[in-house]
Amino acid sequence: MDTCRIPANASKCSGNTMECFMVLSTQAQKISIGILCGLFGTMCVCENSLVLYLIFSSPGIRKKPSYLFIGSLALADILASIIFVCSFVNFHVFNEAGFSKEVFLLQLGGVNTSFSASLSSLLLTALDRYISISRPSEYKLLMTRRRAWTALGVLWVTCATIACLPLLGWNCCVLDSSCSELFPFVDDNYLSGWLCFTMVLLGCIIYAYTHVLWRARQHVAYMEKHQAQVGKQNTRMRMDVMLAKTLVMVLAVLVLCWSPVLVLMIYSVFARLSDHLRKVFAFCSTLCLLNSMVNPIIYALRSKELFSSLRRVLSHCRRQLKATEECPEAESTHKSSAIET
């Protein structure tokens, strides 16, 4: 491990130091990582692409800010899966280290942007639910489609800017500072700052959802007490409560999947990591893909609007398939009639 730790001098930027971060030593470990990345990545792209199609192919759904934020989450998960799987497998499985520092930091910036945008999209969704439940009468005035698109634009620009800081010069090669033991060329201070940014996002999300759950519980108690009152307001409450519970499930999965990675990142800032822990970190990184893969499943099972849209799409596909199967039969019957004539 001592030979792989990059010292705080100019030699840490030499090309052969990339090999020190290739921690998978056996063929079985590489095959396992390759299978996990291929399976999780493929399913994640397919599932989130379906979510995007269901949202933007349904006029009633895509007009709602809540589903615009969910669409942003799905897009971020797609980009994260593609960039992460390609760069991660190429580096750890095929041991490709021939690219330059700039190319590596560009790939890392893409992964960082996508995962940060995914987390930030959850924050916007949490704030959307917070406003919807805490101020339901003013929700449509406060959360318009224009404000939703503006918030999404600010979100993606901010995440991209923060992710590109190492490429723009905040790296241990330019600053001649201490490098991270987990990521080549990444400055320890930058990693600490990114971890603080991530923890603030998680804290805001947890706070918002704590309030949402408290209000949702109040709404459930109110509806149980006034079961005879069936109206638009109660229907709206049921939809808000259902969506809030769905997104809390998404948050729970996010925390479970990201906790091992974040804990090891924080530990690496304050202490040196053994080879075993760095291998554990490589395998735990695939849990981020698992999180992105599970989110669309939760939407399909919990969101009635998305589930209804999915049923319409499947019904349309069945009708198209049935029509395709009937066409050759009709054509065959027509040919037989022509021969007889």
Foldseek 3Di string as FASTA:
>chain_A
DVVLFQALAQVLQDLVSLLSQLLDDDLVLLVVLLVLLVVLLVLLLVLLVLLLCLQVVDVVRVQDLLSVLVNQLSVLLNQLSVLVSVVLSVCRNVVDRPDHPLVQLVSQLSNQLSVQSNLVSLLVSLVLLLCCLVPVVCSCVVDGPVVSVVSSVVSSVVSSVLSCVLSVQQFSNNVSAGHFPNGRRHHLVSLVVVLVVSVVSLVSSVVSLVSSVVSLVVLVVVCVVPVVDDDDVNVSSVLSSLVSVLSVVLSVLVCVLCVLLSVLSVVRSPDPDDSVSSSVNSVSVSSSSVSSSCSSVSCCVRPPSSVVSVVVVVVVVVVVVVVVVVVVVVVVVVVVVVVVD
